[in-house]
Amino acid sequence: MKFCPRCKSMMVLVKEGGRSFWRCPRCGYVEEVSGNNAKFVERTTVNRRDDKPIVLAKSSEEALPKVRKVCPRCGNEEAYFWVQQTRAADEPPTRFYRCTRCGYTWREYE
């Protein structure tokens, strides 16, 4: 980490044409990297998909509690119910429902 001598902002390490430079994003100050003490760190953001299949064994299905909930697919008014933590720990858990007639599974967030 290096700070700009002009404006005191944190500088970014840039690689151009096989050479490395420190560049200030605020004022544009550029300084060539001296020595081999600079290290590039690359970050990648991964987008999560919310439509992952939900696998639930048939034998354990009968052990789940039933609630009165209308199935969005077939209109049946009864579904199995369970709760699972699918997001960060500081967020509420996700409620899952599985229709007792057609087996369609859907989720609801708090």
PDB file of N, CA and C in Angstrom:
ATOM      1  N   MET A   1       0.848  -1.160   0.000  1.00  0.00           N
ATOM      2  CA  MET A   1       0.000   0.000   0.000  1.00  0.00           C
ATOM      3  C   MET A   1       0.899   1.229   0.000  1.00  0.00           C
ATOM      4  N   LYS A   2       0.519   2.190  -0.837  1.00  0.00           N
ATOM      5  CA  LYS A   2       1.319   3.413  -0.948  1.00  0.00           C
ATOM      6  C   LYS A   2       0.364   4.595  -1.031  1.00  0.00           C
ATOM      7  N   PHE A   3       0.778   5.710  -0.439  1.00  0.00           N
ATOM      8  CA  PHE A   3      -0.052   6.899  -0.445  1.00  0.00           C
ATOM      9  C   PHE A   3       0.582   7.983  -1.303  1.00  0.00           C
ATOM     10  N   CYS A   4      -0.265   8.739  -1.964  1.00  0.00           N
ATOM     11  CA  CYS A   4       0.179   9.793  -2.877  1.00  0.00           C
ATOM     12  C   CYS A   4       0.886  10.904  -2.095  1.00  0.00           C
ATOM     13  N   PRO A   5       2.073  11.316  -2.547  1.00  0.00           N
ATOM     14  CA  PRO A   5       2.789  12.389  -1.847  1.00  0.00           C
ATOM     15  C   PRO A   5       2.119  13.754  -2.033  1.00  0.00           C
ATOM     16  N   ARG A   6       1.273  13.886  -3.063  1.00  0.00           N
ATOM     17  CA  ARG A   6       0.603  15.168  -3.320  1.00  0.00           C
ATOM     18  C   ARG A   6      -0.678  15.336  -2.501  1.00  0.00           C
ATOM     19  N   CYS A   7      -1.611  14.349  -2.645  1.00  0.00           N
ATOM     20  CA  CYS A   7      -2.938  14.524  -2.035  1.00  0.00           C
ATOM     21  C   CYS A   7      -3.225  13.547  -0.901  1.00  0.00           C
ATOM     22  N   LYS A   8      -2.294  12.645  -0.603  1.00  0.00           N
ATOM     23  CA  LYS A   8      -2.398  11.677   0.498  1.00  0.00           C
ATOM     24  C   LYS A   8      -3.478  10.610   0.290  1.00  0.00           C
ATOM     25  N   SER A   9      -3.942  10.423  -0.951  1.00  0.00           N
ATOM     26  CA  SER A   9      -4.890   9.346  -1.252  1.00  0.00           C
ATOM     27  C   SER A   9      -4.131   8.040  -1.432  1.00  0.00           C
ATOM     28  N   MET A  10      -4.831   6.929  -1.269  1.00  0.00           N
ATOM     29  CA  MET A  10      -4.197   5.629  -1.477  1.00  0.00           C
ATOM     30  C   MET A  10      -4.009   5.418  -2.981  1.00  0.00           C
ATOM     31  N   MET A  11      -2.805   5.039  -3.373  1.00  0.00           N
ATOM     32  CA  MET A  11      -2.493   4.848  -4.787  1.00  0.00           C
ATOM     33  C   MET A  11      -2.794   3.417  -5.207  1.00  0.00           C
ATOM     34  N   VAL A  12      -3.014   3.231  -6.508  1.00  0.00           N
ATOM     35  CA  VAL A  12      -3.287   1.907  -7.061  1.00  0.00           C
ATOM     36  C   VAL A  12      -2.106   1.452  -7.891  1.00  0.00           C
ATOM     37  N   LEU A  13      -1.842   0.156  -7.851  1.00  0.00           N
ATOM     38  CA  LEU A  13      -0.751  -0.424  -8.618  1.00  0.00           C
ATOM     39  C   LEU A  13      -1.272  -0.774 -10.002  1.00  0.00           C
ATOM     40  N   VAL A  14      -0.627  -0.247 -11.038  1.00  0.00           N
ATOM     41  CA  VAL A  14      -1.060  -0.449 -12.422  1.00  0.00           C
ATOM     42  C   VAL A  14       0.087  -1.065 -13.206  1.00  0.00           C
ATOM     43  N   LYS A  15      -0.250  -2.017 -14.079  1.00  0.00           N
ATOM     44  CA  LYS A  15       0.770  -2.650 -14.911  1.00  0.00           C
ATOM     45  C   LYS A  15       0.475  -2.303 -16.367  1.00  0.00           C
ATOM     46  N   GLU A  16       1.447  -1.667 -17.029  1.00  0.00           N
ATOM     47  CA  GLU A  16       1.294  -1.272 -18.433  1.00  0.00           C
ATOM     48  C   GLU A  16       2.583  -1.577 -19.180  1.00  0.00           C
ATOM     49  N   GLY A  17       2.471  -2.288 -20.265  1.00  0.00           N
ATOM     50  CA  GLY A  17       3.631  -2.561 -21.108  1.00  0.00           C
ATOM     51  C   GLY A  17       4.758  -3.281 -20.395  1.00  0.00           C
ATOM     52  N   GLY A  18       4.437  -4.166 -19.486  1.00  0.00           N
ATOM     53  CA  GLY A  18       5.463  -4.919 -18.776  1.00  0.00           C
ATOM     54  C   GLY A  18       6.105  -4.159 -17.629  1.00  0.00           C
ATOM     55  N   ARG A  19       5.679  -2.933 -17.391  1.00  0.00           N
ATOM     56  CA  ARG A  19       6.219  -2.131 -16.289  1.00  0.00           C
ATOM     57  C   ARG A  19       5.115  -1.840 -15.284  1.00  0.00           C
ATOM     58  N   SER A  20       5.494  -1.652 -14.040  1.00  0.00           N
ATOM     59  CA  SER A  20       4.520  -1.386 -12.978  1.00  0.00           C
ATOM     60  C   SER A  20       4.643   0.054 -12.498  1.00  0.00           C
ATOM     61  N   PHE A  21       3.486   0.670 -12.240  1.00  0.00           N
ATOM     62  CA  PHE A  21       3.425   2.058 -11.790  1.00  0.00           C
ATOM     63  C   PHE A  21       2.447   2.181 -10.628  1.00  0.00           C
ATOM     64  N   TRP A  22       2.736   3.135  -9.729  1.00  0.00           N
ATOM     65  CA  TRP A  22       1.767   3.550  -8.731  1.00  0.00           C
ATOM     66  C   TRP A  22       1.032   4.738  -9.328  1.00  0.00           C
ATOM     67  N   ARG A  23      -0.297   4.710  -9.309  1.00  0.00           N
ATOM     68  CA  ARG A  23      -1.076   5.812  -9.878  1.00  0.00           C
ATOM     69  C   ARG A  23      -2.111   6.257  -8.850  1.00  0.00           C
ATOM     70  N   CYS A  24      -2.212   7.563  -8.672  1.00  0.00           N
ATOM     71  CA  CYS A  24      -3.197   8.125  -7.752  1.00  0.00           C
ATOM     72  C   CYS A  24      -4.521   8.324  -8.496  1.00  0.00           C
ATOM     73  N   PRO A  25      -5.608   7.716  -8.040  1.00  0.00           N
ATOM     74  CA  PRO A  25      -6.887   7.877  -8.725  1.00  0.00           C
ATOM     75  C   PRO A  25      -7.498   9.263  -8.536  1.00  0.00           C
ATOM     76  N   ARG A  26      -7.049  10.005  -7.521  1.00  0.00           N
ATOM     77  CA  ARG A  26      -7.621  11.322  -7.256  1.00  0.00           C
ATOM     78  C   ARG A  26      -6.936  12.432  -8.063  1.00  0.00           C
ATOM     79  N   CYS A  27      -5.600  12.528  -7.976  1.00  0.00           N
ATOM     80  CA  CYS A  27      -4.910  13.649  -8.633  1.00  0.00           C
ATOM     81  C   CYS A  27      -4.131  13.243  -9.882  1.00  0.00           C
ATOM     82  N   GLY A  28      -3.985  11.922 -10.134  1.00  0.00           N
ATOM     83  CA  GLY A  28      -3.309  11.468 -11.342  1.00  0.00           C
ATOM     84  C   GLY A  28      -1.803  11.330 -11.226  1.00  0.00           C
ATOM     85  N   TYR A  29      -1.254  11.561 -10.055  1.00  0.00           N
ATOM     86  CA  TYR A  29       0.185  11.422  -9.854  1.00  0.00           C
ATOM     87  C   TYR A  29       0.616   9.992 -10.184  1.00  0.00           C
ATOM     88  N   VAL A  30       1.751   9.856 -10.926  1.00  0.00           N
ATOM     89  CA  VAL A  30       2.261   8.545 -11.327  1.00  0.00           C
ATOM     90  C   VAL A  30       3.703   8.416 -10.866  1.00  0.00           C
ATOM     91  N   GLU A  31       4.030   7.223 -10.344  1.00  0.00           N
ATOM     92  CA  GLU A  31       5.386   6.949  -9.891  1.00  0.00           C
ATOM     93  C   GLU A  31       5.733   5.515 -10.273  1.00  0.00           C
ATOM     94  N   GLU A  32       6.886   5.328 -10.899  1.00  0.00           N
ATOM     95  CA  GLU A  32       7.293   3.980 -11.291  1.00  0.00           C
ATOM     96  C   GLU A  32       7.660   3.170 -10.049  1.00  0.00           C
ATOM     97  N   VAL A  33       7.303   1.878 -10.073  1.00  0.00           N
ATOM     98  CA  VAL A  33       7.596   0.993  -8.950  1.00  0.00           C
ATOM     99  C   VAL A  33       9.087   0.713  -8.929  1.00  0.00           C
ATOM    100  N   SER A  34       9.689   0.873  -7.755  1.00  0.00           N
ATOM    101  CA  SER A  34      11.116   0.591  -7.629  1.00  0.00           C
ATOM    102  C   SER A  34      11.292  -0.732  -6.908  1.00  0.00           C
ATOM    103  N   GLY A  35      12.133  -1.611  -7.447  1.00  0.00           N
ATOM    104  CA  GLY A  35      12.388  -2.916  -6.836  1.00  0.00           C
ATOM    105  C   GLY A  35      11.262  -3.902  -7.127  1.00  0.00           C
ATOM    106  N   ASN A  36      11.290  -5.034  -6.461  1.00  0.00           N
ATOM    107  CA  ASN A  36      10.278  -6.074  -6.656  1.00  0.00           C
ATOM    108  C   ASN A  36       9.388  -6.234  -5.427  1.00  0.00           C
ATOM    109  N   ASN A  37       9.140  -5.155  -4.714  1.00  0.00           N
ATOM    110  CA  ASN A  37       8.336  -5.273  -3.506  1.00  0.00           C
ATOM    111  C   ASN A  37       6.843  -5.026  -3.742  1.00  0.00           C
ATOM    112  N   ALA A  38       6.437  -4.794  -4.970  1.00  0.00           N
ATOM    113  CA  ALA A  38       5.022  -4.573  -5.284  1.00  0.00           C
ATOM    114  C   ALA A  38       4.364  -5.902  -5.627  1.00  0.00           C
ATOM    115  N   LYS A  39       3.146  -6.082  -5.150  1.00  0.00           N
ATOM    116  CA  LYS A  39       2.432  -7.333  -5.383  1.00  0.00           C
ATOM    117  C   LYS A  39       1.034  -7.016  -5.909  1.00  0.00           C
ATOM    118  N   PHE A  40       0.654  -7.633  -7.032  1.00  0.00           N
ATOM    119  CA  PHE A  40      -0.677  -7.457  -7.593  1.00  0.00           C
ATOM    120  C   PHE A  40      -1.650  -8.401  -6.905  1.00  0.00           C
ATOM    121  N   VAL A  41      -2.805  -7.880  -6.549  1.00  0.00           N
ATOM    122  CA  VAL A  41      -3.874  -8.690  -5.973  1.00  0.00           C
ATOM    123  C   VAL A  41      -5.090  -8.518  -6.862  1.00  0.00           C
ATOM    124  N   GLU A  42      -5.614  -9.638  -7.330  1.00  0.00           N
ATOM    125  CA  GLU A  42      -6.772  -9.586  -8.216  1.00  0.00           C
ATOM    126  C   GLU A  42      -7.983 -10.096  -7.462  1.00  0.00           C
ATOM    127  N   ARG A  43      -9.074  -9.352  -7.517  1.00  0.00           N
ATOM    128  CA  ARG A  43     -10.304  -9.754  -6.840  1.00  0.00           C
ATOM    129  C   ARG A  43     -11.371 -10.060  -7.873  1.00  0.00           C
ATOM    130  N   THR A  44     -12.117 -11.103  -7.605  1.00  0.00           N
ATOM    131  CA  THR A  44     -13.196 -11.505  -8.493  1.00  0.00           C
ATOM    132  C   THR A  44     -14.486 -11.574  -7.692  1.00  0.00           C
ATOM    133  N   THR A  45     -15.551 -10.995  -8.239  1.00  0.00           N
ATOM    134  CA  THR A  45     -16.852 -11.056  -7.601  1.00  0.00           C
ATOM    135  C   THR A  45     -17.668 -12.132  -8.288  1.00  0.00           C
ATOM    136  N   VAL A  46     -18.225 -13.024  -7.492  1.00  0.00           N
ATOM    137  CA  VAL A  46     -19.023 -14.116  -8.037  1.00  0.00           C
ATOM    138  C   VAL A  46     -20.480 -13.845  -7.719  1.00  0.00           C
ATOM    139  N   ASN A  47     -21.316 -13.845  -8.745  1.00  0.00           N
ATOM    140  CA  ASN A  47     -22.746 -13.665  -8.539  1.00  0.00           C
ATOM    141  C   ASN A  47     -23.388 -15.007  -8.249  1.00  0.00           C
ATOM    142  N   ARG A  48     -24.152 -15.058  -7.160  1.00  0.00           N
ATOM    143  CA  ARG A  48     -24.828 -16.297  -6.797  1.00  0.00           C
ATOM    144  C   ARG A  48     -26.157 -16.391  -7.523  1.00  0.00           C
ATOM    145  N   ARG A  49     -26.482 -17.601  -7.915  1.00  0.00           N
ATOM    146  CA  ARG A  49     -27.787 -17.836  -8.520  1.00  0.00           C
ATOM    147  C   ARG A  49     -28.721 -18.346  -7.441  1.00  0.00           C
ATOM    148  N   ASP A  50     -29.952 -17.915  -7.486  1.00  0.00           N
ATOM    149  CA  ASP A  50     -30.919 -18.304  -6.473  1.00  0.00           C
ATOM    150  C   ASP A  50     -31.773 -19.490  -6.885  1.00  0.00           C
ATOM    151  N   ASP A  51     -31.568 -20.027  -8.081  1.00  0.00           N
ATOM    152  CA  ASP A  51     -32.438 -21.096  -8.568  1.00  0.00           C
ATOM    153  C   ASP A  51     -31.776 -22.468  -8.506  1.00  0.00           C
ATOM    154  N   LYS A  52     -31.017 -22.704  -7.437  1.00  0.00           N
ATOM    155  CA  LYS A  52     -30.371 -24.002  -7.267  1.00  0.00           C
ATOM    156  C   LYS A  52     -31.432 -25.041  -6.919  1.00  0.00           C
ATOM    157  N   PRO A  53     -31.279 -26.264  -7.399  1.00  0.00           N
ATOM    158  CA  PRO A  53     -32.262 -27.293  -7.054  1.00  0.00           C
ATOM    159  C   PRO A  53     -32.196 -27.626  -5.566  1.00  0.00           C
ATOM    160  N   ILE A  54     -33.333 -27.914  -5.017  1.00  0.00           N
ATOM    161  CA  ILE A  54     -33.422 -28.263  -3.610  1.00  0.00           C
ATOM    162  C   ILE A  54     -33.676 -29.757  -3.528  1.00  0.00           C
ATOM    163  N   VAL A  55     -32.779 -30.478  -2.889  1.00  0.00           N
ATOM    164  CA  VAL A  55     -32.889 -31.931  -2.802  1.00  0.00           C
ATOM    165  C   VAL A  55     -33.383 -32.292  -1.407  1.00  0.00           C
ATOM    166  N   LEU A  56     -34.457 -33.039  -1.370  1.00  0.00           N
ATOM    167  CA  LEU A  56     -35.022 -33.474  -0.110  1.00  0.00           C
ATOM    168  C   LEU A  56     -35.431 -34.926  -0.268  1.00  0.00           C
ATOM    169  N   ALA A  57     -34.891 -35.797   0.555  1.00  0.00           N
ATOM    170  CA  ALA A  57     -35.185 -37.226   0.445  1.00  0.00           C
ATOM    171  C   ALA A  57     -36.645 -37.486   0.784  1.00  0.00           C
ATOM    172  N   LYS A  58     -37.287 -38.375   0.038  1.00  0.00           N
ATOM    173  CA  LYS A  58     -38.698 -38.701   0.241  1.00  0.00           C
ATOM    174  C   LYS A  58     -38.961 -39.206   1.649  1.00  0.00           C
ATOM    175  N   SER A  59     -38.056 -40.034   2.175  1.00  0.00           N
ATOM    176  CA  SER A  59     -38.285 -40.629   3.492  1.00  0.00           C
ATOM    177  C   SER A  59     -38.344 -39.571   4.590  1.00  0.00           C
ATOM    178  N   SER A  60     -37.574 -38.491   4.454  1.00  0.00           N
ATOM    179  CA  SER A  60     -37.587 -37.454   5.482  1.00  0.00           C
ATOM    180  C   SER A  60     -38.747 -36.484   5.290  1.00  0.00           C
ATOM    181  N   GLU A  61     -39.364 -36.514   4.120  1.00  0.00           N
ATOM    182  CA  GLU A  61     -40.456 -35.599   3.825  1.00  0.00           C
ATOM    183  C   GLU A  61     -41.633 -35.804   4.778  1.00  0.00           C
ATOM    184  N   GLU A  62     -41.938 -37.055   5.104  1.00  0.00           N
ATOM    185  CA  GLU A  62     -43.066 -37.337   5.981  1.00  0.00           C
ATOM    186  C   GLU A  62     -42.838 -36.811   7.396  1.00  0.00           C
ATOM    187  N   ALA A  63     -41.583 -36.631   7.776  1.00  0.00           N
ATOM    188  CA  ALA A  63     -41.262 -36.137   9.114  1.00  0.00           C
ATOM    189  C   ALA A  63     -41.435 -34.624   9.225  1.00  0.00           C
ATOM    190  N   LEU A  64     -41.561 -33.930   8.099  1.00  0.00           N
ATOM    191  CA  LEU A  64     -41.700 -32.477   8.116  1.00  0.00           C
ATOM    192  C   LEU A  64     -43.110 -32.081   8.540  1.00  0.00           C
ATOM    193  N   PRO A  65     -43.237 -30.935   9.226  1.00  0.00           N
ATOM    194  CA  PRO A  65     -44.575 -30.464   9.589  1.00  0.00           C
ATOM    195  C   PRO A  65     -45.327 -29.974   8.355  1.00  0.00           C
ATOM    196  N   LYS A  66     -46.654 -30.026   8.419  1.00  0.00           N
ATOM    197  CA  LYS A  66     -47.501 -29.538   7.330  1.00  0.00           C
ATOM    198  C   LYS A  66     -48.154 -28.235   7.768  1.00  0.00           C
ATOM    199  N   VAL A  67     -48.306 -27.330   6.815  1.00  0.00           N
ATOM    200  CA  VAL A  67     -48.969 -26.049   7.073  1.00  0.00           C
ATOM    201  C   VAL A  67     -49.989 -25.790   5.978  1.00  0.00           C
ATOM    202  N   ARG A  68     -50.928 -24.889   6.264  1.00  0.00           N
ATOM    203  CA  ARG A  68     -51.907 -24.502   5.251  1.00  0.00           C
ATOM    204  C   ARG A  68     -51.274 -23.388   4.418  1.00  0.00           C
ATOM    205  N   LYS A  69     -50.847 -23.732   3.223  1.00  0.00           N
ATOM    206  CA  LYS A  69     -50.188 -22.791   2.315  1.00  0.00           C
ATOM    207  C   LYS A  69     -50.603 -23.166   0.906  1.00  0.00           C
ATOM    208  N   VAL A  70     -51.028 -22.201   0.101  1.00  0.00           N
ATOM    209  CA  VAL A  70     -51.486 -22.473  -1.260  1.00  0.00           C
ATOM    210  C   VAL A  70     -50.291 -22.641  -2.183  1.00  0.00           C
ATOM    211  N   CYS A  71     -50.268 -23.759  -2.906  1.00  0.00           N
ATOM    212  CA  CYS A  71     -49.197 -24.038  -3.867  1.00  0.00           C
ATOM    213  C   CYS A  71     -49.362 -23.125  -5.077  1.00  0.00           C
ATOM    214  N   PRO A  72     -48.314 -22.396  -5.478  1.00  0.00           N
ATOM    215  CA  PRO A  72     -48.416 -21.505  -6.635  1.00  0.00           C
ATOM    216  C   PRO A  72     -48.555 -22.256  -7.958  1.00  0.00           C
ATOM    217  N   ARG A  73     -48.242 -23.539  -7.976  1.00  0.00           N
ATOM    218  CA  ARG A  73     -48.312 -24.304  -9.217  1.00  0.00           C
ATOM    219  C   ARG A  73     -49.671 -24.995  -9.400  1.00  0.00           C
ATOM    220  N   CYS A  74     -50.143 -25.724  -8.380  1.00  0.00           N
ATOM    221  CA  CYS A  74     -51.372 -26.512  -8.566  1.00  0.00           C
ATOM    222  C   CYS A  74     -52.551 -26.021  -7.733  1.00  0.00           C
ATOM    223  N   GLY A  75     -52.341 -25.094  -6.805  1.00  0.00           N
ATOM    224  CA  GLY A  75     -53.434 -24.558  -6.007  1.00  0.00           C
ATOM    225  C   GLY A  75     -53.777 -25.377  -4.772  1.00  0.00           C
ATOM    226  N   ASN A  76     -53.085 -26.473  -4.536  1.00  0.00           N
ATOM    227  CA  ASN A  76     -53.300 -27.280  -3.336  1.00  0.00           C
ATOM    228  C   ASN A  76     -53.084 -26.400  -2.100  1.00  0.00           C
ATOM    229  N   GLU A  77     -53.826 -26.659  -1.034  1.00  0.00           N
ATOM    230  CA  GLU A  77     -53.774 -25.796   0.146  1.00  0.00           C
ATOM    231  C   GLU A  77     -52.967 -26.365   1.307  1.00  0.00           C
ATOM    232  N   GLU A  78     -52.135 -27.382   1.055  1.00  0.00           N
ATOM    233  CA  GLU A  78     -51.328 -27.961   2.127  1.00  0.00           C
ATOM    234  C   GLU A  78     -49.900 -28.175   1.623  1.00  0.00           C
ATOM    235  N   ALA A  79     -48.928 -27.855   2.479  1.00  0.00           N
ATOM    236  CA  ALA A  79     -47.523 -27.990   2.075  1.00  0.00           C
ATOM    237  C   ALA A  79     -46.673 -28.401   3.267  1.00  0.00           C
ATOM    238  N   TYR A  80     -45.581 -29.117   2.985  1.00  0.00           N
ATOM    239  CA  TYR A  80     -44.570 -29.387   4.006  1.00  0.00           C
ATOM    240  C   TYR A  80     -43.803 -28.094   4.215  1.00  0.00           C
ATOM    241  N   PHE A  81     -43.188 -27.937   5.381  1.00  0.00           N
ATOM    242  CA  PHE A  81     -42.549 -26.687   5.743  1.00  0.00           C
ATOM    243  C   PHE A  81     -41.228 -26.956   6.449  1.00  0.00           C
ATOM    244  N   TRP A  82     -40.171 -26.203   6.098  1.00  0.00           N
ATOM    245  CA  TRP A  82     -38.909 -26.243   6.850  1.00  0.00           C
ATOM    246  C   TRP A  82     -38.188 -24.920   6.691  1.00  0.00           C
ATOM    247  N   VAL A  83     -37.258 -24.661   7.598  1.00  0.00           N
ATOM    248  CA  VAL A  83     -36.509 -23.400   7.629  1.00  0.00           C
ATOM    249  C   VAL A  83     -35.034 -23.724   7.493  1.00  0.00           C
ATOM    250  N   GLN A  84     -34.332 -22.904   6.683  1.00  0.00           N
ATOM    251  CA  GLN A  84     -32.900 -23.132   6.476  1.00  0.00           C
ATOM    252  C   GLN A  84     -32.189 -21.792   6.361  1.00  0.00           C
ATOM    253  N   GLN A  85     -30.991 -21.703   6.932  1.00  0.00           N
ATOM    254  CA  GLN A  85     -30.183 -20.486   6.832  1.00  0.00           C
ATOM    255  C   GLN A  85     -29.452 -20.516   5.501  1.00  0.00           C
ATOM    256  N   THR A  86     -29.879 -19.704   4.529  1.00  0.00           N
ATOM    257  CA  THR A  86     -29.275 -19.717   3.191  1.00  0.00           C
ATOM    258  C   THR A  86     -28.456 -18.470   2.906  1.00  0.00           C
ATOM    259  N   ARG A  87     -28.637 -17.436   3.703  1.00  0.00           N
ATOM    260  CA  ARG A  87     -27.912 -16.186   3.483  1.00  0.00           C
ATOM    261  C   ARG A  87     -26.975 -15.940   4.659  1.00  0.00           C
ATOM    262  N   ALA A  88     -26.532 -14.726   4.818  1.00  0.00           N
ATOM    263  CA  ALA A  88     -25.606 -14.389   5.907  1.00  0.00           C
ATOM    264  C   ALA A  88     -26.263 -14.649   7.258  1.00  0.00           C
ATOM    265  N   ALA A  89     -25.455 -14.885   8.258  1.00  0.00           N
ATOM    266  CA  ALA A  89     -25.957 -15.230   9.590  1.00  0.00           C
ATOM    267  C   ALA A  89     -26.748 -14.098  10.228  1.00  0.00           C
ATOM    268  N   ASP A  90     -26.486 -12.853   9.830  1.00  0.00           N
ATOM    269  CA  ASP A  90     -27.215 -11.737  10.425  1.00  0.00           C
ATOM    270  C   ASP A  90     -28.549 -11.473   9.732  1.00  0.00           C
ATOM    271  N   GLU A  91     -28.902 -12.262   8.726  1.00  0.00           N
ATOM    272  CA  GLU A  91     -30.182 -12.134   8.034  1.00  0.00           C
ATOM    273  C   GLU A  91     -31.100 -13.273   8.460  1.00  0.00           C
ATOM    274  N   PRO A  92     -32.418 -13.055   8.370  1.00  0.00           N
ATOM    275  CA  PRO A  92     -33.340 -14.111   8.806  1.00  0.00           C
ATOM    276  C   PRO A  92     -33.249 -15.345   7.911  1.00  0.00           C
ATOM    277  N   PRO A  93     -33.619 -16.514   8.451  1.00  0.00           N
ATOM    278  CA  PRO A  93     -33.571 -17.745   7.648  1.00  0.00           C
ATOM    279  C   PRO A  93     -34.635 -17.748   6.556  1.00  0.00           C
ATOM    280  N   THR A  94     -34.483 -18.634   5.589  1.00  0.00           N
ATOM    281  CA  THR A  94     -35.417 -18.773   4.479  1.00  0.00           C
ATOM    282  C   THR A  94     -36.406 -19.881   4.806  1.00  0.00           C
ATOM    283  N   ARG A  95     -37.695 -19.635   4.542  1.00  0.00           N
ATOM    284  CA  ARG A  95     -38.726 -20.653   4.734  1.00  0.00           C
ATOM    285  C   ARG A  95     -38.955 -21.367   3.413  1.00  0.00           C
ATOM    286  N   PHE A  96     -38.936 -22.689   3.449  1.00  0.00           N
ATOM    287  CA  PHE A  96     -39.184 -23.508   2.268  1.00  0.00           C
ATOM    288  C   PHE A  96     -40.513 -24.221   2.425  1.00  0.00           C
ATOM    289  N   TYR A  97     -41.223 -24.388   1.303  1.00  0.00           N
ATOM    290  CA  TYR A  97     -42.488 -25.117   1.270  1.00  0.00           C
ATOM    291  C   TYR A  97     -42.422 -26.132   0.138  1.00  0.00           C
ATOM    292  N   ARG A  98     -43.034 -27.299   0.362  1.00  0.00           N
ATOM    293  CA  ARG A  98     -43.154 -28.306  -0.693  1.00  0.00           C
ATOM    294  C   ARG A  98     -44.602 -28.786  -0.699  1.00  0.00           C
ATOM    295  N   CYS A  99     -45.232 -28.679  -1.855  1.00  0.00           N
ATOM    296  CA  CYS A  99     -46.633 -29.057  -2.011  1.00  0.00           C
ATOM    297  C   CYS A  99     -46.813 -30.548  -1.725  1.00  0.00           C
ATOM    298  N   THR A 100     -47.859 -30.882  -0.950  1.00  0.00           N
ATOM    299  CA  THR A 100     -48.123 -32.287  -0.630  1.00  0.00           C
ATOM    300  C   THR A 100     -48.747 -33.024  -1.812  1.00  0.00           C
ATOM    301  N   ARG A 101     -49.287 -32.283  -2.791  1.00  0.00           N
ATOM    302  CA  ARG A 101     -49.907 -32.931  -3.944  1.00  0.00           C
ATOM    303  C   ARG A 101     -48.925 -33.089  -5.112  1.00  0.00           C
ATOM    304  N   CYS A 102     -48.356 -31.975  -5.610  1.00  0.00           N
ATOM    305  CA  CYS A 102     -47.528 -32.044  -6.830  1.00  0.00           C
ATOM    306  C   CYS A 102     -46.027 -32.086  -6.538  1.00  0.00           C
ATOM    307  N   GLY A 103     -45.606 -31.808  -5.291  1.00  0.00           N
ATOM    308  CA  GLY A 103     -44.191 -31.866  -4.943  1.00  0.00           C
ATOM    309  C   GLY A 103     -43.401 -30.614  -5.293  1.00  0.00           C
ATOM    310  N   TYR A 104     -44.075 -29.570  -5.811  1.00  0.00           N
ATOM    311  CA  TYR A 104     -43.386 -28.321  -6.160  1.00  0.00           C
ATOM    312  C   TYR A 104     -42.808 -27.679  -4.892  1.00  0.00           C
ATOM    313  N   THR A 105     -41.567 -27.209  -4.968  1.00  0.00           N
ATOM    314  CA  THR A 105     -40.893 -26.581  -3.832  1.00  0.00           C
ATOM    315  C   THR A 105     -40.659 -25.109  -4.137  1.00  0.00           C
ATOM    316  N   TRP A 106     -40.986 -24.246  -3.185  1.00  0.00           N
ATOM    317  CA  TRP A 106     -40.738 -22.816  -3.336  1.00  0.00           C
ATOM    318  C   TRP A 106     -40.250 -22.266  -2.004  1.00  0.00           C
ATOM    319  N   ARG A 107     -39.757 -21.039  -2.036  1.00  0.00           N
ATOM    320  CA  ARG A 107     -39.194 -20.430  -0.827  1.00  0.00           C
ATOM    321  C   ARG A 107     -39.779 -19.050  -0.614  1.00  0.00           C
ATOM    322  N   GLU A 108     -39.733 -18.633   0.635  1.00  0.00           N
ATOM    323  CA  GLU A 108     -40.158 -17.283   1.005  1.00  0.00           C
ATOM    324  C   GLU A 108     -39.110 -16.703   1.933  1.00  0.00           C
ATOM    325  N   TYR A 109     -38.784 -15.435   1.706  1.00  0.00           N
ATOM    326  CA  TYR A 109     -37.823 -14.740   2.558  1.00  0.00           C
ATOM    327  C   TYR A 109     -38.588 -13.867   3.536  1.00  0.00           C
ATOM    328  N   GLU A 110     -38.020 -13.626   4.695  1.00  0.00           N
ATOM    329  CA  GLU A 110     -38.659 -12.765   5.705  1.00  0.00           C
ATOM    330  C   GLU A 110     -38.643 -11.344   5.212  1.00  0.00           C
TER     331      GLU A 110
END
